[in-house]
Amino acid sequence: MEIRDPVHGSIHISEEIAPIIRHPFFQRLRNIKQLGLTEYIFPGATHTRFIHSIGVMHIGSKVFDKLFAQKLSNPDIVRLKETFKLGCLLHDIGHAPLSHSTESVMPTLAELKIPKEFLDKVDFGGERQATHEDYTIKSIADSSFSESFKDVEAKYGVLRSCIADVIRGSTHNDEYFTVEGVNWFPILHQLVSSELDCDRMDYLLRDSYFCGVSYGSYDLDWLIDNLEPCFIDGKAVLGISERAVVTFDDFLLSRYHMFVMVYFHYRAVCLEQLLLRYFQTSDEYRIPADIEEYQEHDDHYLMKFLRKSSNKYAKSIVLNEIPKKVYESFNQPQLNTLEQIQTYLEQQKIEFIRCSSKGRLSKYYQNELIDKSFSLRVVRKTIYGDTTFTSIDTATDLYKKFSTSHAVNRLHFNLKDLTKDQLSHVQGLIKE
């Protein structure tokens, strides 16, 4: 099976993985747009999570072959490769329609009834609200989709529970990932979800291409060529050669620029907030706990509800009409002004929408409650032929600079809802 991709060219799919892609669970992703409502601003952004997921697997295969170049004849390494490829392919299989806002109408985790071997102990109670990651794990663990894995399971000995482990970032089966005395789980999870993962490697190039912008461009081939495993206490973690740190900086900048110019675009963010308001003010649409029913829930399915709804927020989304952006803040003094305006609007009982867009270039930094063993290392070759490695944050100032959250806050409201005196007061706050 071969797929022609405008970003990566020809992508070859093995006979064992083809049934997984052909299954209705995966085919559903053809109708889930990668950037959701962003197509209302960038009309070319109609690409889907279907081709993105295949692109992530394609990059993952190239990365794996680079890191394990001398070990690909080992059947246990081949088993890990197929496990990892499927982790890349299926990382978005449970994604909800249109926007992350849709997760607000998902059931509790307990209602999904995910088998315990696919969960962390902290989730055994299941009281929290489910997320699209939970639907991903449920799809792999306990659904009709699991039937499509029989060929890859039979040929390579792949375990679906271990595919789920690579996606969610923890495992109860270290033996499965240990080959030749090395536990390869950390590096495989990093390549699915970290500051330098195959997901980001694909979506930056893909989103940039389909949005018609150049912000997401970086040197993918050089980045892959300079990835290396680092061995710490019997575990393999992801490293990058010192000579490619500048390329990693470029990768960070690409992501930063895509956030500022595309992902944080004020219209797209406001439309997502309108969708959230729709869910908060209407009981018309809910995500089912039944994973088989969930197959029906794609962008088209949700849009039918929005088109038929008399809810004012649904109408605004369908017509691509948002309240006027009146003020936005990029720093603390501006944020103080924004909050003064917001307080006044609340006192005057004037409806507004506050859009807060936050992004961090690395989620593995500073106070994040994540195992620091998943942070990227920089590999240096000494003049004596030895190899040393350090944490990425000691090798690049740019990484430190963009390590904290970058936030843009905006206030939207209809000026016609204000009296002349109210409008004058708001203008005065802005000028201060």
Protein backbone atom coordinates (compact mmCIF):
# COMPACT_ATOMS: atom_id res chain seq x y z
CA MET A 1 0.00 0.00 0.00
CA GLU A 2 1.38 3.41 -0.99
CA ILE A 3 0.16 6.88 -0.10
CA ARG A 4 1.16 10.06 -1.92
CA ASP A 5 1.63 12.82 0.62
CA PRO A 6 2.20 16.46 -0.45
CA VAL A 7 4.59 16.96 2.49
CA HIS A 8 6.68 13.77 2.53
CA GLY A 9 6.13 12.29 -0.93
CA SER A 10 5.58 8.52 -1.20
CA ILE A 11 4.75 6.75 2.05
CA HIS A 12 4.76 2.96 1.98
CA ILE A 13 2.43 1.06 4.31
CA SER A 14 3.17 -2.56 5.20
CA GLU A 15 0.62 -5.32 4.65
CA GLU A 16 0.30 -5.83 8.42
CA ILE A 17 -0.50 -2.17 9.16
CA ALA A 18 -2.81 -1.62 6.16
CA PRO A 19 -5.85 -3.26 7.89
CA ILE A 20 -5.46 -0.83 10.78
CA ILE A 21 -5.55 2.16 8.44
CA ARG A 22 -8.51 0.74 6.52
CA HIS A 23 -10.56 0.17 9.66
CA PRO A 24 -13.51 2.58 10.25
CA PHE A 25 -11.95 3.79 13.51
CA PHE A 26 -8.92 5.14 11.66
CA GLN A 27 -10.89 6.18 8.57
CA ARG A 28 -12.93 8.45 10.88
CA LEU A 29 -9.85 10.71 11.02
CA ARG A 30 -10.45 11.63 7.37
CA ASN A 31 -13.30 13.76 8.70
CA ILE A 32 -11.41 15.36 11.60
CA LYS A 33 -9.53 18.43 10.42
CA GLN A 34 -6.07 18.85 11.90
CA LEU A 35 -6.66 22.52 12.77
CA GLY A 36 -10.41 22.45 13.33
CA LEU A 37 -11.99 25.89 12.98
CA THR A 38 -8.74 27.46 11.74
CA GLU A 39 -9.90 26.82 8.17
CA TYR A 40 -12.30 29.75 8.70
CA ILE A 41 -9.21 31.99 8.71
CA PHE A 42 -6.77 29.99 6.56
CA PRO A 43 -9.03 28.40 3.90
CA GLY A 44 -6.32 25.95 2.82
CA ALA A 45 -6.14 24.41 6.30
CA THR A 46 -8.52 21.56 5.48
CA HIS A 47 -5.92 18.83 5.99
CA THR A 48 -6.95 16.04 8.33
CA ARG A 49 -5.68 14.06 11.26
CA PHE A 50 -5.78 11.04 8.94
CA ILE A 51 -2.86 12.15 6.78
CA HIS A 52 -1.10 13.82 9.72
CA SER A 53 -1.11 10.53 11.63
CA ILE A 54 0.33 8.67 8.65
CA GLY A 55 2.96 11.42 8.32
CA VAL A 56 3.93 11.00 11.98
CA MET A 57 4.36 7.25 11.44
CA HIS A 58 6.47 7.92 8.34
CA ILE A 59 8.80 10.26 10.23
CA GLY A 60 8.85 7.84 13.16
CA SER A 61 10.00 5.02 10.90
CA LYS A 62 12.86 7.14 9.56
CA VAL A 63 13.88 8.23 13.05
CA PHE A 64 13.80 4.66 14.36
CA ASP A 65 15.95 3.38 11.48
CA LYS A 66 18.51 6.12 12.22
CA LEU A 67 18.68 5.38 15.96
CA PHE A 68 18.72 1.59 15.58
CA ALA A 69 20.70 1.35 12.34
CA GLN A 70 22.99 -1.41 13.62
CA LYS A 71 20.27 -3.42 15.35
CA LEU A 72 17.48 -3.77 12.77
CA SER A 73 18.22 -7.47 12.22
CA ASN A 74 17.28 -8.23 15.84
CA PRO A 75 13.66 -9.53 16.00
CA ASP A 76 13.14 -7.86 19.39
CA ILE A 77 14.18 -4.50 17.92
CA VAL A 78 11.82 -5.08 14.97
CA ARG A 79 9.03 -5.75 17.49
CA LEU A 80 9.78 -2.42 19.17
CA LYS A 81 9.83 -0.68 15.79
CA GLU A 82 6.34 -1.91 14.91
CA THR A 83 5.10 -1.00 18.40
CA PHE A 84 6.55 2.49 18.07
CA LYS A 85 5.23 3.00 14.52
CA LEU A 86 1.73 2.14 15.71
CA GLY A 87 2.13 4.52 18.66
CA CYS A 88 2.92 7.26 16.13
CA LEU A 89 0.08 6.25 13.82
CA LEU A 90 -2.56 6.04 16.54
CA HIS A 91 -1.62 8.91 18.85
CA ASP A 92 -4.66 10.92 17.64
CA ILE A 93 -7.12 8.07 17.00
CA GLY A 94 -9.45 9.28 19.77
CA HIS A 95 -9.44 12.96 18.86
CA ALA A 96 -12.77 14.77 19.24
CA PRO A 97 -14.48 16.78 16.47
CA LEU A 98 -13.43 20.34 15.58
CA SER A 99 -11.64 21.45 18.72
CA HIS A 100 -10.25 20.54 22.12
CA SER A 101 -13.27 22.46 23.45
CA THR A 102 -15.36 19.40 22.58
CA GLU A 103 -13.68 17.53 25.44
CA SER A 104 -15.88 19.61 27.77
CA VAL A 105 -18.84 17.39 26.85
CA MET A 106 -17.05 14.08 27.29
CA PRO A 107 -18.15 11.65 30.02
CA THR A 108 -16.09 10.67 33.05
CA LEU A 109 -13.15 8.32 32.64
CA ALA A 110 -15.00 5.67 34.66
CA GLU A 111 -17.80 5.61 32.10
CA LEU A 112 -15.35 4.64 29.35
CA LYS A 113 -14.52 1.42 31.24
CA ILE A 114 -10.92 1.18 30.03
CA PRO A 115 -9.26 -2.06 31.20
CA LYS A 116 -6.98 -1.38 34.18
CA GLU A 117 -3.88 -2.73 32.46
CA PHE A 118 -4.15 0.21 30.06
CA LEU A 119 -4.38 2.84 32.82
CA ASP A 120 -2.09 4.49 35.35
CA LYS A 121 -2.94 3.67 38.97
CA VAL A 122 -3.88 7.30 39.59
CA ASP A 123 -6.76 6.87 37.10
CA PHE A 124 -8.23 3.67 38.56
CA GLY A 125 -11.02 5.64 40.27
CA GLY A 126 -11.94 7.36 37.02
CA GLU A 127 -13.65 10.40 38.57
CA ARG A 128 -12.05 12.98 36.26
CA GLN A 129 -13.51 13.94 32.89
CA ALA A 130 -12.26 11.88 29.97
CA THR A 131 -9.97 13.41 27.33
CA HIS A 132 -9.26 12.53 23.71
CA GLU A 133 -6.19 10.61 24.95
CA ASP A 134 -8.50 8.38 26.99
CA TYR A 135 -10.62 7.70 23.88
CA THR A 136 -7.37 6.84 22.07
CA ILE A 137 -6.47 4.28 24.74
CA LYS A 138 -10.03 2.88 24.80
CA SER A 139 -10.00 2.47 21.00
CA ILE A 140 -6.77 0.47 21.15
CA ALA A 141 -7.64 -1.47 24.29
CA ASP A 142 -11.29 -2.41 24.08
CA SER A 143 -13.21 -1.88 20.84
CA SER A 144 -13.93 -3.48 17.49
CA PHE A 145 -10.80 -1.66 16.27
CA SER A 146 -8.65 -4.20 18.13
CA GLU A 147 -9.54 -6.83 15.52
CA SER A 148 -7.42 -5.00 12.93
CA PHE A 149 -4.23 -5.64 14.95
CA LYS A 150 -4.21 -9.43 14.50
CA ASP A 151 -1.70 -9.47 11.61
CA VAL A 152 0.87 -7.23 13.27
CA GLU A 153 0.40 -9.07 16.56
CA ALA A 154 0.91 -12.46 14.92
CA LYS A 155 3.94 -11.49 12.83
CA TYR A 156 5.89 -9.31 15.28
CA GLY A 157 4.51 -10.18 18.72
CA VAL A 158 3.27 -6.62 19.26
CA LEU A 159 1.11 -6.04 22.35
CA ARG A 160 -1.67 -3.46 22.13
CA SER A 161 -1.14 -2.57 25.79
CA CYS A 162 2.44 -1.58 24.96
CA ILE A 163 1.31 0.57 22.03
CA ALA A 164 -0.92 2.39 24.51
CA ASP A 165 2.02 2.68 26.94
CA VAL A 166 4.19 4.42 24.35
CA ILE A 167 1.40 6.94 23.75
CA ARG A 168 0.51 7.68 27.38
CA GLY A 169 4.08 7.70 28.73
CA SER A 170 4.15 4.99 31.38
CA THR A 171 4.36 1.22 31.30
CA HIS A 172 3.83 -1.78 33.56
CA ASN A 173 5.89 -3.96 31.22
CA ASP A 174 9.54 -2.86 31.25
CA GLU A 175 10.58 -6.35 30.06
CA TYR A 176 8.79 -5.82 26.75
CA PHE A 177 10.86 -2.69 26.06
CA THR A 178 14.18 -4.08 27.33
CA VAL A 179 16.48 -5.46 24.64
CA GLU A 180 20.16 -6.34 25.13
CA GLY A 181 20.03 -4.99 28.67
CA VAL A 182 18.69 -1.56 27.68
CA ASN A 183 15.20 -0.26 28.45
CA TRP A 184 14.17 1.61 25.29
CA PHE A 185 10.81 2.81 26.59
CA PRO A 186 11.86 6.39 27.51
CA ILE A 187 13.24 7.21 24.06
CA LEU A 188 10.24 5.69 22.27
CA HIS A 189 7.80 7.72 24.32
CA GLN A 190 9.89 10.87 23.80
CA LEU A 191 9.61 10.39 20.06
CA VAL A 192 5.81 10.25 20.39
CA SER A 193 5.47 13.11 22.90
CA SER A 194 8.25 15.47 23.97
CA GLU A 195 9.96 18.73 23.01
CA LEU A 196 11.32 16.99 19.90
CA ASP A 197 8.78 14.39 18.84
CA CYS A 198 7.59 13.01 15.53
CA ASP A 199 4.17 14.58 16.06
CA ARG A 200 5.64 18.10 16.09
CA MET A 201 8.08 17.27 13.32
CA ASP A 202 5.12 16.51 11.07
CA TYR A 203 2.51 19.07 12.08
CA LEU A 204 4.85 22.08 11.84
CA LEU A 205 5.66 21.29 8.22
CA ARG A 206 2.12 20.16 7.38
CA ASP A 207 0.24 23.02 9.02
CA SER A 208 2.61 25.55 7.49
CA TYR A 209 2.15 24.03 4.03
CA PHE A 210 -1.65 23.95 4.13
CA CYS A 211 -2.05 27.34 5.78
CA GLY A 212 0.06 28.89 3.04
CA VAL A 213 2.69 30.28 5.41
CA SER A 214 6.41 29.60 5.82
CA TYR A 215 6.71 29.88 9.60
CA GLY A 216 6.82 26.12 10.22
CA SER A 217 9.79 25.34 7.96
CA TYR A 218 12.92 23.71 9.40
CA ASP A 219 15.54 21.17 8.29
CA LEU A 220 13.87 17.84 9.05
CA ASP A 221 16.55 15.63 7.43
CA TRP A 222 19.42 17.24 9.34
CA LEU A 223 17.48 16.98 12.59
CA ILE A 224 16.85 13.26 12.08
CA ASP A 225 20.44 12.59 10.99
CA ASN A 226 21.71 14.04 14.27
CA LEU A 227 19.47 12.20 16.72
CA GLU A 228 21.28 9.76 19.01
CA PRO A 229 20.36 7.51 21.94
CA CYS A 230 21.88 8.38 25.33
CA PHE A 231 22.20 5.63 27.93
CA ILE A 232 21.53 6.48 31.58
CA ASP A 233 21.21 3.80 34.26
CA GLY A 234 20.23 1.15 31.74
CA LYS A 235 17.67 3.35 30.00
CA ALA A 236 17.86 4.96 26.55
CA VAL A 237 16.79 8.61 26.27
CA LEU A 238 16.75 10.93 23.28
CA GLY A 239 19.83 12.96 22.41
CA ILE A 240 20.84 15.31 19.64
CA SER A 241 24.35 15.94 18.36
CA GLU A 242 25.92 19.22 19.45
CA ARG A 243 26.36 20.20 15.80
CA ALA A 244 22.56 20.21 15.33
CA VAL A 245 21.65 22.41 18.30
CA VAL A 246 21.23 25.38 15.94
CA THR A 247 18.79 23.30 13.89
CA PHE A 248 16.90 22.49 17.09
CA ASP A 249 16.77 26.23 17.81
CA ASP A 250 15.29 26.71 14.35
CA PHE A 251 12.74 24.00 15.15
CA LEU A 252 11.79 25.86 18.36
CA LEU A 253 11.47 29.15 16.51
CA SER A 254 9.29 27.53 13.86
CA ARG A 255 6.94 26.27 16.52
CA TYR A 256 6.90 29.64 18.29
CA HIS A 257 6.09 31.48 15.07
CA MET A 258 3.34 29.00 14.18
CA PHE A 259 1.77 29.52 17.60
CA VAL A 260 1.86 33.30 17.34
CA MET A 261 0.77 33.58 13.71
CA VAL A 262 -1.53 30.56 13.24
CA TYR A 263 -2.51 28.60 16.38
CA PHE A 264 -3.07 31.78 18.44
CA HIS A 265 -4.86 33.66 15.65
CA TYR A 266 -7.52 35.71 17.38
CA ARG A 267 -10.40 34.59 15.15
CA ALA A 268 -9.62 30.88 15.49
CA VAL A 269 -9.25 31.14 19.27
CA CYS A 270 -12.49 33.12 19.60
CA LEU A 271 -14.37 30.58 17.49
CA GLU A 272 -13.19 27.84 19.83
CA GLN A 273 -14.46 29.87 22.79
CA LEU A 274 -17.81 30.29 21.05
CA LEU A 275 -17.93 26.50 20.64
CA LEU A 276 -17.25 26.11 24.35
CA ARG A 277 -20.05 28.61 25.12
CA TYR A 278 -22.35 26.55 22.90
CA PHE A 279 -21.60 23.42 24.92
CA GLN A 280 -22.08 25.33 28.19
CA THR A 281 -25.47 26.76 27.19
CA SER A 282 -26.95 23.84 25.27
CA ASP A 283 -27.58 20.14 25.91
CA GLU A 284 -27.99 19.38 22.21
CA TYR A 285 -24.62 17.66 21.77
CA ARG A 286 -22.72 15.26 24.02
CA ILE A 287 -19.89 12.78 23.43
CA PRO A 288 -21.02 9.19 24.11
CA ALA A 289 -19.15 6.86 26.44
CA ASP A 290 -19.79 3.97 24.03
CA ILE A 291 -16.64 3.75 21.91
CA GLU A 292 -18.52 2.20 18.98
CA GLU A 293 -20.97 5.11 18.89
CA TYR A 294 -18.02 7.49 19.03
CA GLN A 295 -17.07 6.41 15.50
CA GLU A 296 -19.88 8.61 14.17
CA HIS A 297 -18.59 11.72 15.88
CA ASP A 298 -16.50 13.66 13.40
CA ASP A 299 -16.47 17.29 12.22
CA HIS A 300 -19.44 16.79 9.88
CA TYR A 301 -21.52 15.16 12.61
CA LEU A 302 -20.96 18.07 15.02
CA MET A 303 -21.49 20.69 12.31
CA LYS A 304 -24.97 19.24 11.66
CA PHE A 305 -25.89 20.05 15.25
CA LEU A 306 -24.47 23.56 14.94
CA ARG A 307 -26.32 24.27 11.68
CA LYS A 308 -29.66 23.09 13.06
CA SER A 309 -29.28 24.81 16.41
CA SER A 310 -31.05 28.03 17.40
CA ASN A 311 -28.32 28.67 19.99
CA LYS A 312 -26.74 32.06 19.30
CA TYR A 313 -23.20 30.75 19.75
CA ALA A 314 -23.81 27.95 17.27
CA LYS A 315 -25.13 30.48 14.76
CA SER A 316 -22.04 32.66 15.21
CA ILE A 317 -19.76 29.69 14.47
CA VAL A 318 -21.69 28.65 11.37
CA LEU A 319 -21.66 32.22 10.04
CA ASN A 320 -18.02 32.76 11.09
CA GLU A 321 -19.06 35.83 13.04
CA ILE A 322 -17.22 36.71 16.23
CA PRO A 323 -17.55 39.65 18.63
CA LYS A 324 -15.09 42.45 17.94
CA LYS A 325 -11.60 42.11 19.42
CA VAL A 326 -11.41 45.23 21.58
CA TYR A 327 -8.21 44.69 23.55
CA GLU A 328 -5.31 42.24 23.73
CA SER A 329 -2.36 41.91 26.07
CA PHE A 330 1.14 40.54 25.56
CA ASN A 331 2.78 41.60 28.84
CA GLN A 332 1.90 42.19 32.49
CA PRO A 333 1.04 45.93 32.29
CA GLN A 334 -1.28 45.24 29.35
CA LEU A 335 -2.79 42.28 31.20
CA ASN A 336 -3.53 44.58 34.17
CA THR A 337 -5.41 46.92 31.81
CA LEU A 338 -7.30 44.01 30.27
CA GLU A 339 -8.43 42.81 33.69
CA GLN A 340 -9.60 46.31 34.61
CA ILE A 341 -11.73 46.35 31.47
CA GLN A 342 -13.03 42.87 32.24
CA THR A 343 -13.97 43.88 35.80
CA TYR A 344 -15.88 46.88 34.46
CA LEU A 345 -17.74 44.73 31.90
CA GLU A 346 -18.71 42.29 34.64
CA GLN A 347 -19.97 45.12 36.85
CA GLN A 348 -22.03 46.50 33.97
CA LYS A 349 -23.31 43.00 33.08
CA ILE A 350 -22.02 43.31 29.53
CA GLU A 351 -21.36 39.98 27.83
CA PHE A 352 -17.78 39.43 26.69
CA ILE A 353 -15.48 36.61 25.71
CA ARG A 354 -12.00 36.39 27.14
CA CYS A 355 -9.60 34.35 25.05
CA SER A 356 -6.42 33.22 26.78
CA SER A 357 -3.90 31.49 24.53
CA LYS A 358 -0.97 29.91 26.26
CA GLY A 359 1.92 27.98 24.77
CA ARG A 360 5.19 26.61 26.03
CA LEU A 361 7.88 25.39 23.67
CA SER A 362 8.74 22.59 26.05
CA LYS A 363 6.36 20.81 28.39
CA TYR A 364 9.35 19.09 30.02
CA TYR A 365 10.76 22.14 31.74
CA GLN A 366 11.00 23.66 35.20
CA ASN A 367 8.02 22.84 37.41
CA GLU A 368 6.16 20.47 35.11
CA LEU A 369 5.04 17.33 36.94
CA ILE A 370 6.69 15.09 34.37
CA ASP A 371 9.58 12.66 34.71
CA LYS A 372 12.68 14.73 33.91
CA SER A 373 14.28 11.63 32.35
CA PHE A 374 12.18 12.48 29.31
CA SER A 375 14.10 15.72 28.67
CA LEU A 376 16.29 16.00 25.57
CA ARG A 377 20.09 15.58 25.89
CA VAL A 378 22.86 17.17 23.84
CA VAL A 379 25.62 14.76 22.75
CA ARG A 380 29.21 16.01 22.53
CA LYS A 381 32.21 14.13 21.13
CA THR A 382 35.45 15.02 22.94
CA ILE A 383 38.89 15.21 21.32
CA TYR A 384 39.72 11.95 23.09
CA GLY A 385 36.91 10.11 21.36
CA ASP A 386 34.68 10.00 24.43
CA THR A 387 31.01 10.91 24.40
CA THR A 388 29.37 13.19 26.95
CA PHE A 389 25.86 14.54 27.13
CA THR A 390 24.09 17.34 28.96
CA SER A 391 20.53 18.59 29.27
CA ILE A 392 19.32 20.68 26.33
CA ASP A 393 18.68 23.72 28.54
CA THR A 394 22.42 24.12 29.14
CA ALA A 395 23.24 24.12 25.42
CA THR A 396 20.95 26.76 23.98
CA ASP A 397 19.86 30.14 25.33
CA LEU A 398 16.82 30.06 23.08
CA TYR A 399 15.47 27.01 24.86
CA LYS A 400 15.72 28.85 28.18
CA LYS A 401 14.16 31.99 26.74
CA PHE A 402 11.09 30.16 25.48
CA SER A 403 10.81 27.72 28.39
CA THR A 404 8.08 29.66 30.19
CA SER A 405 4.53 29.96 29.00
CA HIS A 406 3.83 32.65 26.43
CA ALA A 407 0.34 34.03 26.77
CA VAL A 408 -1.85 36.28 24.69
CA ASN A 409 -5.08 37.46 26.32
CA ARG A 410 -7.89 39.09 24.39
CA LEU A 411 -11.27 40.59 25.18
CA HIS A 412 -14.05 40.35 22.61
CA PHE A 413 -17.43 42.02 22.89
CA ASN A 414 -19.98 43.78 20.71
CA LEU A 415 -19.57 47.54 20.90
CA LYS A 416 -23.28 47.99 20.10
CA ASP A 417 -24.04 46.40 23.48
CA LEU A 418 -22.47 49.41 25.25
CA THR A 419 -24.02 52.78 25.90
CA LYS A 420 -22.11 55.89 24.91
CA ASP A 421 -20.94 56.41 28.51
CA GLN A 422 -19.86 52.77 28.88
CA LEU A 423 -17.90 52.90 25.64
CA SER A 424 -16.23 56.14 26.76
CA HIS A 425 -15.24 54.52 30.06
CA VAL A 426 -13.68 51.52 28.27
CA GLN A 427 -11.77 53.82 25.94
CA GLY A 428 -10.45 55.69 28.93
CA LEU A 429 -9.16 52.49 30.54
CA ILE A 430 -7.40 51.56 27.30
CA LYS A 431 -5.67 54.95 27.05
CA GLU A 432 -4.41 54.75 30.63
